[in-house]
Amino acid sequence: MRITWFAWLAQHADEYGYSDGPLRATIGTVAVLVTAALLWFALHRHRPAAMAAAGLTCALGVGWLAFH
């Protein structure tokens, strides 16, 4: 599912604000993923909370990058 999502995002990159260039898009996406990973590790004792926080961070972060 993740590979399919990344493939879809790559196919529609110019429609969602990633047209600023692949380097800027990669840096922003990696920053969002690192933030989500840090939340996951911070909340690792409470797995449902960790999953929810990391998933929400990814969705909001990539959404914000896409439309700004």
Protein backbone atom coordinates (compact mmCIF):
# COMPACT_ATOMS: atom_id res chain seq x y z
CA MET A 1 0.00 0.00 0.00
CA ARG A 2 2.84 2.41 0.79
CA ILE A 3 4.52 1.74 -2.55
CA THR A 4 1.24 2.33 -4.37
CA TRP A 5 0.73 5.61 -2.50
CA PHE A 6 4.24 6.82 -3.33
CA ALA A 7 3.75 5.82 -6.97
CA TRP A 8 0.48 7.74 -7.12
CA LEU A 9 2.12 10.77 -5.47
CA ALA A 10 4.99 10.66 -7.96
CA GLN A 11 2.56 10.47 -10.86
CA HIS A 12 0.62 13.52 -9.65
CA ALA A 13 3.53 15.49 -8.17
CA ASP A 14 3.02 18.57 -10.33
CA GLU A 15 -0.63 18.84 -9.25
CA TYR A 16 0.08 18.92 -5.53
CA GLY A 17 2.78 21.53 -5.03
CA TYR A 18 5.74 19.21 -5.40
CA SER A 19 6.60 21.03 -8.62
CA ASP A 20 9.11 23.21 -6.71
CA GLY A 21 11.66 20.58 -7.57
CA PRO A 22 12.53 17.09 -6.49
CA LEU A 23 15.16 18.22 -3.97
CA ARG A 24 12.81 20.52 -2.04
CA ALA A 25 10.02 17.94 -2.18
CA THR A 26 12.36 15.22 -0.91
CA ILE A 27 13.69 17.36 1.93
CA GLY A 28 10.17 18.28 3.06
CA THR A 29 8.88 14.73 2.86
CA VAL A 30 11.89 13.33 4.73
CA ALA A 31 11.42 15.98 7.43
CA VAL A 32 7.79 14.90 7.87
CA LEU A 33 8.76 11.23 8.03
CA VAL A 34 11.51 11.88 10.59
CA THR A 35 9.05 13.84 12.72
CA ALA A 36 6.57 10.96 12.54
CA ALA A 37 9.30 8.48 13.48
CA LEU A 38 10.30 10.61 16.47
CA LEU A 39 6.68 10.67 17.65
CA TRP A 40 6.48 6.89 17.20
CA PHE A 41 9.60 6.33 19.30
CA ALA A 42 8.49 8.83 21.95
CA LEU A 43 5.16 7.03 22.39
CA HIS A 44 6.37 3.46 21.80
CA ARG A 45 5.04 2.21 25.15
CA HIS A 46 1.51 3.08 24.06
CA ARG A 47 1.34 1.48 20.63
CA PRO A 48 -2.14 2.72 19.60
CA ALA A 49 -1.21 6.29 20.51
CA ALA A 50 2.11 5.97 18.68
CA MET A 51 0.43 4.66 15.54
CA ALA A 52 -2.22 7.37 15.62
CA ALA A 53 0.27 10.18 16.22
CA ALA A 54 2.68 9.02 13.53
CA GLY A 55 -0.08 8.44 11.00
CA LEU A 56 -1.69 11.80 11.67
CA THR A 57 1.68 13.54 11.44
CA CYS A 58 2.39 11.92 8.07
CA ALA A 59 -1.03 12.74 6.68
CA LEU A 60 -1.04 16.34 7.85
CA GLY A 61 2.60 16.97 7.00
CA VAL A 62 2.46 15.62 3.47
CA GLY A 63 -0.91 17.30 2.95
CA TRP A 64 0.53 20.62 4.05
CA LEU A 65 3.54 20.18 1.79
CA ALA A 66 1.29 19.30 -1.12
CA PHE A 67 -0.92 22.36 -0.93
CA HIS A 68 1.53 25.09 0.17
